[in-house]
Amino acid sequence: MAVITKAEAIAIIRRAYGPDVAESVADQLPAQFDPDNDADAAMLSRLGLTRDGLANALGGEL
């Protein structure tokens, strides 16, 4: 899995969960993260996001 930048993540979250969620979590995202990394996946989970939800927004490719 590739590292995702904050800007990329916000765009993906906007597609997967909508603009309101993207805006509400934007300040809590790090500059970059890897959704396959356990610590980063846990951070996403705390924000109410899932790797699968993000992947689905990209047509299954994350």
PDB file of N, CA and C in Angstrom:
ATOM      1  N   MET A   1       0.844  -1.190   0.000  1.00  0.00           N
ATOM      2  CA  MET A   1       0.000   0.000   0.000  1.00  0.00           C
ATOM      3  C   MET A   1       0.878   1.238   0.000  1.00  0.00           C
ATOM      4  N   ALA A   2       0.487   2.180  -0.761  1.00  0.00           N
ATOM      5  CA  ALA A   2       1.219   3.441  -0.853  1.00  0.00           C
ATOM      6  C   ALA A   2       0.784   4.392   0.258  1.00  0.00           C
ATOM      7  N   VAL A   3       1.677   5.251   0.612  1.00  0.00           N
ATOM      8  CA  VAL A   3       1.363   6.290   1.584  1.00  0.00           C
ATOM      9  C   VAL A   3       0.441   7.302   0.911  1.00  0.00           C
ATOM     10  N   ILE A   4      -0.547   7.753   1.649  1.00  0.00           N
ATOM     11  CA  ILE A   4      -1.527   8.712   1.145  1.00  0.00           C
ATOM     12  C   ILE A   4      -1.274  10.053   1.829  1.00  0.00           C
ATOM     13  N   THR A   5      -1.253  11.114   1.044  1.00  0.00           N
ATOM     14  CA  THR A   5      -1.094  12.439   1.634  1.00  0.00           C
ATOM     15  C   THR A   5      -2.437  12.907   2.193  1.00  0.00           C
ATOM     16  N   LYS A   6      -2.365  13.910   3.039  1.00  0.00           N
ATOM     17  CA  LYS A   6      -3.575  14.467   3.636  1.00  0.00           C
ATOM     18  C   LYS A   6      -4.538  14.973   2.569  1.00  0.00           C
ATOM     19  N   ALA A   7      -4.024  15.665   1.570  1.00  0.00           N
ATOM     20  CA  ALA A   7      -4.884  16.189   0.498  1.00  0.00           C
ATOM     21  C   ALA A   7      -5.569  15.053  -0.259  1.00  0.00           C
ATOM     22  N   GLU A   8      -4.812  13.982  -0.555  1.00  0.00           N
ATOM     23  CA  GLU A   8      -5.401  12.824  -1.234  1.00  0.00           C
ATOM     24  C   GLU A   8      -6.464  12.188  -0.352  1.00  0.00           C
ATOM     25  N   ALA A   9      -6.154  12.062   0.942  1.00  0.00           N
ATOM     26  CA  ALA A   9      -7.100  11.439   1.869  1.00  0.00           C
ATOM     27  C   ALA A   9      -8.399  12.231   1.947  1.00  0.00           C
ATOM     28  N   ILE A  10      -8.304  13.531   2.016  1.00  0.00           N
ATOM     29  CA  ILE A  10      -9.512  14.360   2.101  1.00  0.00           C
ATOM     30  C   ILE A  10     -10.366  14.179   0.849  1.00  0.00           C
ATOM     31  N   ALA A  11      -9.745  14.127  -0.313  1.00  0.00           N
ATOM     32  CA  ALA A  11     -10.494  13.909  -1.562  1.00  0.00           C
ATOM     33  C   ALA A  11     -11.177  12.542  -1.555  1.00  0.00           C
ATOM     34  N   ILE A  12     -10.469  11.517  -1.083  1.00  0.00           N
ATOM     35  CA  ILE A  12     -11.037  10.166  -1.026  1.00  0.00           C
ATOM     36  C   ILE A  12     -12.174  10.111  -0.016  1.00  0.00           C
ATOM     37  N   ILE A  13     -11.963  10.703   1.153  1.00  0.00           N
ATOM     38  CA  ILE A  13     -12.993  10.714   2.192  1.00  0.00           C
ATOM     39  C   ILE A  13     -14.227  11.458   1.700  1.00  0.00           C
ATOM     40  N   ARG A  14     -14.020  12.539   0.982  1.00  0.00           N
ATOM     41  CA  ARG A  14     -15.150  13.299   0.420  1.00  0.00           C
ATOM     42  C   ARG A  14     -15.976  12.397  -0.495  1.00  0.00           C
ATOM     43  N   ARG A  15     -15.297  11.606  -1.333  1.00  0.00           N
ATOM     44  CA  ARG A  15     -15.999  10.696  -2.250  1.00  0.00           C
ATOM     45  C   ARG A  15     -16.685   9.559  -1.497  1.00  0.00           C
ATOM     46  N   ALA A  16     -16.007   9.024  -0.472  1.00  0.00           N
ATOM     47  CA  ALA A  16     -16.527   7.855   0.240  1.00  0.00           C
ATOM     48  C   ALA A  16     -17.618   8.204   1.247  1.00  0.00           C
ATOM     49  N   TYR A  17     -17.437   9.316   1.949  1.00  0.00           N
ATOM     50  CA  TYR A  17     -18.314   9.633   3.075  1.00  0.00           C
ATOM     51  C   TYR A  17     -19.043  10.963   2.954  1.00  0.00           C
ATOM     52  N   GLY A  18     -18.682  11.773   1.974  1.00  0.00           N
ATOM     53  CA  GLY A  18     -19.333  13.056   1.783  1.00  0.00           C
ATOM     54  C   GLY A  18     -18.509  14.217   2.307  1.00  0.00           C
ATOM     55  N   PRO A  19     -18.835  15.429   1.856  1.00  0.00           N
ATOM     56  CA  PRO A  19     -18.045  16.605   2.215  1.00  0.00           C
ATOM     57  C   PRO A  19     -18.088  16.955   3.691  1.00  0.00           C
ATOM     58  N   ASP A  20     -19.207  16.691   4.361  1.00  0.00           N
ATOM     59  CA  ASP A  20     -19.296  17.034   5.781  1.00  0.00           C
ATOM     60  C   ASP A  20     -18.305  16.222   6.606  1.00  0.00           C
ATOM     61  N   VAL A  21     -18.203  14.929   6.316  1.00  0.00           N
ATOM     62  CA  VAL A  21     -17.259  14.076   7.043  1.00  0.00           C
ATOM     63  C   VAL A  21     -15.833  14.491   6.708  1.00  0.00           C
ATOM     64  N   ALA A  22     -15.563  14.744   5.431  1.00  0.00           N
ATOM     65  CA  ALA A  22     -14.214  15.142   5.024  1.00  0.00           C
ATOM     66  C   ALA A  22     -13.775  16.396   5.777  1.00  0.00           C
ATOM     67  N   GLU A  23     -14.650  17.369   5.867  1.00  0.00           N
ATOM     68  CA  GLU A  23     -14.315  18.601   6.573  1.00  0.00           C
ATOM     69  C   GLU A  23     -14.152  18.375   8.070  1.00  0.00           C
ATOM     70  N   SER A  24     -14.957  17.491   8.639  1.00  0.00           N
ATOM     71  CA  SER A  24     -14.897  17.284  10.092  1.00  0.00           C
ATOM     72  C   SER A  24     -13.642  16.532  10.532  1.00  0.00           C
ATOM     73  N   VAL A  25     -13.058  15.709   9.660  1.00  0.00           N
ATOM     74  CA  VAL A  25     -11.853  14.954  10.048  1.00  0.00           C
ATOM     75  C   VAL A  25     -10.563  15.575   9.521  1.00  0.00           C
ATOM     76  N   ALA A  26     -10.657  16.548   8.651  1.00  0.00           N
ATOM     77  CA  ALA A  26      -9.467  17.109   7.994  1.00  0.00           C
ATOM     78  C   ALA A  26      -8.407  17.570   8.988  1.00  0.00           C
ATOM     79  N   ASP A  27      -8.807  18.230  10.050  1.00  0.00           N
ATOM     80  CA  ASP A  27      -7.841  18.737  11.036  1.00  0.00           C
ATOM     81  C   ASP A  27      -7.190  17.633  11.854  1.00  0.00           C
ATOM     82  N   GLN A  28      -7.791  16.452  11.848  1.00  0.00           N
ATOM     83  CA  GLN A  28      -7.277  15.346  12.659  1.00  0.00           C
ATOM     84  C   GLN A  28      -6.373  14.390  11.888  1.00  0.00           C
ATOM     85  N   LEU A  29      -6.276  14.593  10.576  1.00  0.00           N
ATOM     86  CA  LEU A  29      -5.445  13.715   9.757  1.00  0.00           C
ATOM     87  C   LEU A  29      -3.991  14.171   9.780  1.00  0.00           C
ATOM     88  N   PRO A  30      -3.068  13.210   9.795  1.00  0.00           N
ATOM     89  CA  PRO A  30      -1.652  13.579   9.699  1.00  0.00           C
ATOM     90  C   PRO A  30      -1.312  13.990   8.268  1.00  0.00           C
ATOM     91  N   ALA A  31      -0.124  14.507   8.060  1.00  0.00           N
ATOM     92  CA  ALA A  31       0.314  14.957   6.734  1.00  0.00           C
ATOM     93  C   ALA A  31       0.317  13.815   5.728  1.00  0.00           C
ATOM     94  N   GLN A  32       0.606  12.606   6.209  1.00  0.00           N
ATOM     95  CA  GLN A  32       0.545  11.424   5.354  1.00  0.00           C
ATOM     96  C   GLN A  32       0.368  10.195   6.227  1.00  0.00           C
ATOM     97  N   PHE A  33      -0.197   9.130   5.642  1.00  0.00           N
ATOM     98  CA  PHE A  33      -0.390   7.892   6.389  1.00  0.00           C
ATOM     99  C   PHE A  33      -0.557   6.740   5.411  1.00  0.00           C
ATOM    100  N   ASP A  34      -0.434   5.525   5.955  1.00  0.00           N
ATOM    101  CA  ASP A  34      -0.574   4.300   5.168  1.00  0.00           C
ATOM    102  C   ASP A  34      -1.730   3.499   5.762  1.00  0.00           C
ATOM    103  N   PRO A  35      -2.844   3.363   5.044  1.00  0.00           N
ATOM    104  CA  PRO A  35      -4.001   2.653   5.580  1.00  0.00           C
ATOM    105  C   PRO A  35      -3.718   1.193   5.935  1.00  0.00           C
ATOM    106  N   ASP A  36      -2.644   0.603   5.399  1.00  0.00           N
ATOM    107  CA  ASP A  36      -2.301  -0.775   5.737  1.00  0.00           C
ATOM    108  C   ASP A  36      -1.482  -0.875   7.015  1.00  0.00           C
ATOM    109  N   ASN A  37      -0.987   0.243   7.507  1.00  0.00           N
ATOM    110  CA  ASN A  37      -0.235   0.268   8.753  1.00  0.00           C
ATOM    111  C   ASN A  37      -1.229   0.176   9.903  1.00  0.00           C
ATOM    112  N   ASP A  38      -0.981  -0.725  10.859  1.00  0.00           N
ATOM    113  CA  ASP A  38      -1.938  -0.936  11.955  1.00  0.00           C
ATOM    114  C   ASP A  38      -2.237   0.336  12.744  1.00  0.00           C
ATOM    115  N   ALA A  39      -1.209   1.106  13.048  1.00  0.00           N
ATOM    116  CA  ALA A  39      -1.421   2.341  13.815  1.00  0.00           C
ATOM    117  C   ALA A  39      -2.245   3.344  13.007  1.00  0.00           C
ATOM    118  N   ASP A  40      -1.960   3.464  11.726  1.00  0.00           N
ATOM    119  CA  ASP A  40      -2.717   4.395  10.881  1.00  0.00           C
ATOM    120  C   ASP A  40      -4.150   3.908  10.687  1.00  0.00           C
ATOM    121  N   ALA A  41      -4.347   2.597  10.557  1.00  0.00           N
ATOM    122  CA  ALA A  41      -5.695   2.038  10.433  1.00  0.00           C
ATOM    123  C   ALA A  41      -6.496   2.306  11.712  1.00  0.00           C
ATOM    124  N   ALA A  42      -5.828   2.207  12.865  1.00  0.00           N
ATOM    125  CA  ALA A  42      -6.496   2.502  14.133  1.00  0.00           C
ATOM    126  C   ALA A  42      -6.903   3.972  14.210  1.00  0.00           C
ATOM    127  N   MET A  43      -6.035   4.861  13.712  1.00  0.00           N
ATOM    128  CA  MET A  43      -6.352   6.287  13.689  1.00  0.00           C
ATOM    129  C   MET A  43      -7.587   6.527  12.818  1.00  0.00           C
ATOM    130  N   LEU A  44      -7.648   5.880  11.651  1.00  0.00           N
ATOM    131  CA  LEU A  44      -8.823   6.019  10.783  1.00  0.00           C
ATOM    132  C   LEU A  44     -10.077   5.529  11.492  1.00  0.00           C
ATOM    133  N   SER A  45      -9.950   4.416  12.174  1.00  0.00           N
ATOM    134  CA  SER A  45     -11.085   3.850  12.885  1.00  0.00           C
ATOM    135  C   SER A  45     -11.599   4.805  13.956  1.00  0.00           C
ATOM    136  N   ARG A  46     -10.687   5.432  14.692  1.00  0.00           N
ATOM    137  CA  ARG A  46     -11.095   6.416  15.708  1.00  0.00           C
ATOM    138  C   ARG A  46     -11.863   7.578  15.088  1.00  0.00           C
ATOM    139  N   LEU A  47     -11.577   7.861  13.817  1.00  0.00           N
ATOM    140  CA  LEU A  47     -12.270   8.942  13.116  1.00  0.00           C
ATOM    141  C   LEU A  47     -13.567   8.466  12.468  1.00  0.00           C
ATOM    142  N   GLY A  48     -13.866   7.168  12.617  1.00  0.00           N
ATOM    143  CA  GLY A  48     -15.088   6.614  12.039  1.00  0.00           C
ATOM    144  C   GLY A  48     -14.940   6.225  10.586  1.00  0.00           C
ATOM    145  N   LEU A  49     -13.710   6.047  10.128  1.00  0.00           N
ATOM    146  CA  LEU A  49     -13.427   5.695   8.740  1.00  0.00           C
ATOM    147  C   LEU A  49     -12.872   4.279   8.676  1.00  0.00           C
ATOM    148  N   THR A  50     -13.056   3.634   7.539  1.00  0.00           N
ATOM    149  CA  THR A  50     -12.489   2.301   7.355  1.00  0.00           C
ATOM    150  C   THR A  50     -11.687   2.254   6.069  1.00  0.00           C
ATOM    151  N   ARG A  51     -10.701   1.371   6.041  1.00  0.00           N
ATOM    152  CA  ARG A  51      -9.919   1.174   4.832  1.00  0.00           C
ATOM    153  C   ARG A  51     -10.833   0.709   3.696  1.00  0.00           C
ATOM    154  N   ASP A  52     -11.766  -0.194   4.000  1.00  0.00           N
ATOM    155  CA  ASP A  52     -12.685  -0.689   2.974  1.00  0.00           C
ATOM    156  C   ASP A  52     -13.564   0.427   2.420  1.00  0.00           C
ATOM    157  N   GLY A  53     -14.040   1.308   3.289  1.00  0.00           N
ATOM    158  CA  GLY A  53     -14.847   2.439   2.822  1.00  0.00           C
ATOM    159  C   GLY A  53     -14.073   3.343   1.902  1.00  0.00           C
ATOM    160  N   LEU A  54     -12.806   3.580   2.238  1.00  0.00           N
ATOM    161  CA  LEU A  54     -11.966   4.415   1.377  1.00  0.00           C
ATOM    162  C   LEU A  54     -11.679   3.702   0.057  1.00  0.00           C
ATOM    163  N   ALA A  55     -11.402   2.403   0.139  1.00  0.00           N
ATOM    164  CA  ALA A  55     -11.128   1.624  -1.074  1.00  0.00           C
ATOM    165  C   ALA A  55     -12.336   1.595  -1.997  1.00  0.00           C
ATOM    166  N   ASN A  56     -13.518   1.435  -1.427  1.00  0.00           N
ATOM    167  CA  ASN A  56     -14.732   1.415  -2.246  1.00  0.00           C
ATOM    168  C   ASN A  56     -14.937   2.724  -2.990  1.00  0.00           C
ATOM    169  N   ALA A  57     -14.521   3.836  -2.386  1.00  0.00           N
ATOM    170  CA  ALA A  57     -14.652   5.129  -3.047  1.00  0.00           C
ATOM    171  C   ALA A  57     -13.752   5.216  -4.274  1.00  0.00           C
ATOM    172  N   LEU A  58     -12.716   4.393  -4.295  1.00  0.00           N
ATOM    173  CA  LEU A  58     -11.786   4.376  -5.428  1.00  0.00           C
ATOM    174  C   LEU A  58     -12.031   3.188  -6.344  1.00  0.00           C
ATOM    175  N   GLY A  59     -13.177   2.577  -6.218  1.00  0.00           N
ATOM    176  CA  GLY A  59     -13.482   1.424  -7.056  1.00  0.00           C
ATOM    177  C   GLY A  59     -12.723   0.178  -6.632  1.00  0.00           C
ATOM    178  N   GLY A  60     -12.400   0.070  -5.349  1.00  0.00           N
ATOM    179  CA  GLY A  60     -11.735  -1.115  -4.828  1.00  0.00           C
ATOM    180  C   GLY A  60     -10.230  -1.033  -4.819  1.00  0.00           C
ATOM    181  N   GLU A  61      -9.644   0.062  -5.285  1.00  0.00           N
ATOM    182  CA  GLU A  61      -8.199   0.216  -5.330  1.00  0.00           C
ATOM    183  C   GLU A  61      -7.740   1.264  -4.345  1.00  0.00           C
ATOM    184  N   LEU A  62      -7.052   0.830  -3.309  1.00  0.00           N
ATOM    185  CA  LEU A  62      -6.486   1.780  -2.355  1.00  0.00           C
ATOM    186  C   LEU A  62      -5.106   1.315  -1.990  1.00  0.00           C
TER     187      LEU A  62
END
